[in-house]
Amino acid sequence: MQTKTKMMTAALLSLLAAGAQAQGYAGVAGGMTKLDADCTGFTTCDTSGTGFKVYGGYQFMPMLAGELVFLNFGKTKASVTGGAGTATAEISASGFGLGVAATGNLAPNVPASARLGVASIKGKAEARGPGGSFSDSESSTQAYFGVDVGYAFTKNLVATLNADFSRLKVVGDTGSVRLVGAGVRFTF
């Protein structure tokens, strides 16, 4: 009986110690984006752009955290020129997500994370031309995942390199989106 009590006490103390080490963090990152778009039939088509993410989390275990994130995957721009003139089209994607992040150190001062979650991604399509304009938007629940590696200047300040991936759905089509860039994370 004493062994079970000691084991339960040790387990409780270790859980309390893990809770005492829990910490919050927030970060921002920006960089290059890529939206998977079919450019067939367009005169010009640029599927890359710039985007950003803003996130916050709470590390509730030494190597596991819960996160909230806003992702902006930028825009794809295309145009087509014909006898009636030029028509332009844009597709953009952004959304909010909730997930978990596994964290650890690759080396002293070199933290890394892998994250997985679910996001509500809003895809928006707009087209303008001599015949008028068109606009459509659609929100869908999509999985997202990402990785980052950083350099810790101090215990509370980390510069990061990030890559985040998800999918969007708009005008009945589904495509992949990604954001690759750099950022900074603050621990408090």
Protein backbone atom coordinates (compact mmCIF):
# COMPACT_ATOMS: atom_id res chain seq x y z
CA MET A 1 0.00 0.00 0.00
CA GLN A 2 2.83 2.40 0.83
CA THR A 3 4.44 1.75 -2.58
CA LYS A 4 1.21 2.71 -4.40
CA THR A 5 0.89 5.87 -2.30
CA LYS A 6 4.50 6.83 -3.01
CA MET A 7 4.03 6.18 -6.73
CA MET A 8 0.84 8.28 -6.82
CA THR A 9 2.55 11.07 -4.89
CA ALA A 10 5.54 11.01 -7.26
CA ALA A 11 3.22 11.11 -10.30
CA LEU A 12 1.26 14.04 -8.83
CA LEU A 13 4.45 15.95 -8.03
CA SER A 14 5.79 15.40 -11.55
CA LEU A 15 2.52 16.70 -13.04
CA LEU A 16 2.68 19.76 -10.78
CA ALA A 17 6.31 20.34 -11.78
CA ALA A 18 5.36 20.14 -15.47
CA GLY A 19 2.59 22.68 -14.83
CA ALA A 20 5.06 24.98 -13.08
CA GLN A 21 7.27 24.87 -16.20
CA ALA A 22 4.34 25.73 -18.51
CA GLN A 23 4.81 28.93 -20.44
CA GLY A 24 3.08 30.99 -23.06
CA TYR A 25 4.53 32.29 -26.30
CA ALA A 26 3.57 34.44 -29.27
CA GLY A 27 5.14 34.89 -32.66
CA VAL A 28 4.90 36.42 -36.08
CA ALA A 29 6.44 35.33 -39.38
CA GLY A 30 6.27 36.42 -42.98
CA GLY A 31 7.60 35.26 -46.29
CA MET A 32 6.91 33.77 -49.68
CA THR A 33 3.65 32.02 -50.49
CA LYS A 34 2.58 29.61 -53.19
CA LEU A 35 -1.01 28.81 -54.15
CA ASP A 36 -1.61 25.76 -56.30
CA ALA A 37 -3.56 27.17 -59.26
CA ASP A 38 -4.19 25.97 -62.80
CA CYS A 39 -2.84 28.66 -65.15
CA THR A 40 -4.05 27.01 -68.35
CA GLY A 41 -5.43 29.59 -70.79
CA PHE A 42 -4.01 32.67 -69.05
CA THR A 43 -1.56 35.05 -70.73
CA THR A 44 0.20 35.73 -67.41
CA CYS A 45 -0.02 33.82 -64.17
CA ASP A 46 1.87 34.35 -60.91
CA THR A 47 1.10 31.73 -58.27
CA SER A 48 3.58 33.15 -55.74
CA GLY A 49 3.18 36.07 -53.40
CA THR A 50 3.82 37.20 -49.85
CA GLY A 51 1.98 36.26 -46.70
CA PHE A 52 2.30 36.06 -42.94
CA LYS A 53 1.19 34.25 -39.84
CA VAL A 54 0.52 35.37 -36.27
CA TYR A 55 0.34 32.72 -33.57
CA GLY A 56 0.28 32.14 -29.86
CA GLY A 57 0.57 29.06 -27.74
CA TYR A 58 0.84 27.59 -24.32
CA GLN A 59 3.39 24.91 -23.58
CA PHE A 60 1.56 22.71 -21.08
CA MET A 61 4.12 19.87 -21.16
CA PRO A 62 7.89 20.04 -21.66
CA MET A 63 7.63 19.05 -25.34
CA LEU A 64 3.96 19.72 -26.19
CA ALA A 65 2.00 22.95 -26.70
CA GLY A 66 -1.44 24.04 -27.83
CA GLU A 67 -1.56 26.83 -30.44
CA LEU A 68 -3.90 29.33 -32.07
CA VAL A 69 -2.81 30.70 -35.45
CA PHE A 70 -3.91 33.14 -38.16
CA LEU A 71 -2.45 32.29 -41.58
CA ASN A 72 -2.45 34.55 -44.65
CA PHE A 73 -1.30 32.62 -47.72
CA GLY A 74 -1.19 35.60 -50.10
CA LYS A 75 -2.65 35.86 -53.64
CA THR A 76 -2.37 34.26 -57.05
CA LYS A 77 -2.75 36.76 -59.91
CA ALA A 78 -3.49 35.97 -63.54
CA SER A 79 -4.62 37.79 -66.66
CA VAL A 80 -5.74 36.95 -70.17
CA THR A 81 -5.80 39.28 -73.16
CA GLY A 82 -8.24 38.76 -76.00
CA GLY A 83 -10.11 40.69 -78.65
CA ALA A 84 -12.41 42.34 -76.09
CA GLY A 85 -9.55 43.47 -73.85
CA THR A 86 -7.81 42.19 -70.74
CA ALA A 87 -9.41 40.24 -67.90
CA THR A 88 -7.70 39.74 -64.53
CA ALA A 89 -8.25 37.17 -61.79
CA GLU A 90 -7.02 36.81 -58.21
CA ILE A 91 -7.30 33.97 -55.70
CA SER A 92 -6.39 34.48 -52.04
CA ALA A 93 -6.44 32.28 -48.94
CA SER A 94 -6.36 32.96 -45.21
CA GLY A 95 -7.71 31.40 -42.05
CA PHE A 96 -7.66 30.67 -38.34
CA GLY A 97 -6.42 27.40 -36.88
CA LEU A 98 -6.12 25.45 -33.66
CA GLY A 99 -3.50 22.76 -33.18
CA VAL A 100 -0.70 21.19 -31.20
CA ALA A 101 3.04 21.67 -31.52
CA ALA A 102 5.77 19.23 -30.56
CA THR A 103 8.87 21.14 -29.50
CA GLY A 104 12.46 20.31 -28.70
CA ASN A 105 16.06 21.39 -29.17
CA LEU A 106 18.26 20.20 -32.02
CA ALA A 107 21.28 21.71 -30.28
CA PRO A 108 21.89 24.32 -27.58
CA ASN A 109 20.13 27.54 -28.66
CA VAL A 110 18.53 25.74 -31.67
CA PRO A 111 14.87 24.99 -30.91
CA ALA A 112 12.59 23.28 -33.43
CA SER A 113 8.85 22.61 -33.65
CA ALA A 114 6.45 20.53 -35.69
CA ARG A 115 2.78 21.46 -35.61
CA LEU A 116 -0.46 19.88 -36.75
CA GLY A 117 -3.96 21.24 -36.53
CA VAL A 118 -7.25 22.12 -38.11
CA ALA A 119 -8.02 25.48 -39.73
CA SER A 120 -10.98 27.28 -41.23
CA ILE A 121 -9.44 28.45 -44.51
CA LYS A 122 -11.30 31.06 -46.56
CA GLY A 123 -10.58 31.00 -50.28
CA LYS A 124 -11.59 34.08 -52.25
CA ALA A 125 -11.70 34.47 -56.05
CA GLU A 126 -12.20 37.74 -57.92
CA ALA A 127 -12.24 38.37 -61.68
CA ARG A 128 -12.62 41.63 -63.60
CA GLY A 129 -12.81 42.25 -67.29
CA PRO A 130 -14.60 44.10 -70.10
CA GLY A 131 -17.72 41.97 -69.54
CA GLY A 132 -18.05 42.75 -65.82
CA SER A 133 -16.79 41.30 -62.56
CA PHE A 134 -17.15 38.13 -60.51
CA SER A 135 -16.46 37.38 -56.86
CA ASP A 136 -16.79 34.19 -54.82
CA SER A 137 -15.55 33.07 -51.43
CA GLU A 138 -15.77 29.78 -49.62
CA SER A 139 -14.65 28.67 -46.19
CA SER A 140 -13.69 25.08 -45.55
CA THR A 141 -12.21 23.12 -42.66
CA GLN A 142 -8.75 21.91 -43.62
CA ALA A 143 -5.80 20.25 -41.91
CA TYR A 144 -2.65 22.35 -41.62
CA PHE A 145 0.86 21.43 -40.65
CA GLY A 146 4.15 23.22 -40.27
CA VAL A 147 7.71 23.08 -39.06
CA ASP A 148 10.17 25.65 -37.79
CA VAL A 149 13.73 25.81 -36.61
CA GLY A 150 15.18 28.76 -34.75
CA TYR A 151 18.06 30.37 -32.98
CA ALA A 152 17.52 31.48 -29.36
CA PHE A 153 19.23 34.82 -28.76
CA THR A 154 17.93 34.75 -25.19
CA LYS A 155 15.64 32.44 -23.22
CA ASN A 156 12.67 34.57 -24.32
CA LEU A 157 13.61 35.63 -27.88
CA VAL A 158 13.94 33.22 -30.82
CA ALA A 159 14.44 33.99 -34.53
CA THR A 160 12.73 31.31 -36.65
CA LEU A 161 12.62 29.87 -40.15
CA ASN A 162 9.11 28.53 -40.84
CA ALA A 163 7.14 26.47 -43.36
CA ASP A 164 3.34 26.08 -43.10
CA PHE A 165 1.03 24.10 -45.40
CA SER A 166 -2.72 23.70 -45.88
CA ARG A 167 -5.41 23.56 -48.59
CA LEU A 168 -8.11 25.91 -49.82
CA LYS A 169 -11.40 25.42 -51.58
CA VAL A 170 -12.89 28.06 -53.90
CA VAL A 171 -15.18 28.03 -56.95
CA GLY A 172 -15.57 24.27 -56.56
CA ASP A 173 -11.83 23.53 -56.79
CA THR A 174 -9.38 22.52 -54.07
CA GLY A 175 -5.68 23.37 -54.09
CA SER A 176 -2.70 23.45 -51.78
CA VAL A 177 -1.20 26.56 -50.21
CA ARG A 178 2.09 27.15 -48.42
CA LEU A 179 3.99 29.87 -46.59
CA VAL A 180 7.78 29.71 -46.21
CA GLY A 181 9.54 32.49 -44.34
CA ALA A 182 11.22 33.87 -41.26
CA GLY A 183 9.92 35.28 -38.01
CA VAL A 184 10.39 35.89 -34.34
CA ARG A 185 8.90 34.22 -31.26
CA PHE A 186 8.65 35.67 -27.73
CA THR A 187 8.25 33.47 -24.66
CA PHE A 188 6.68 34.90 -21.52
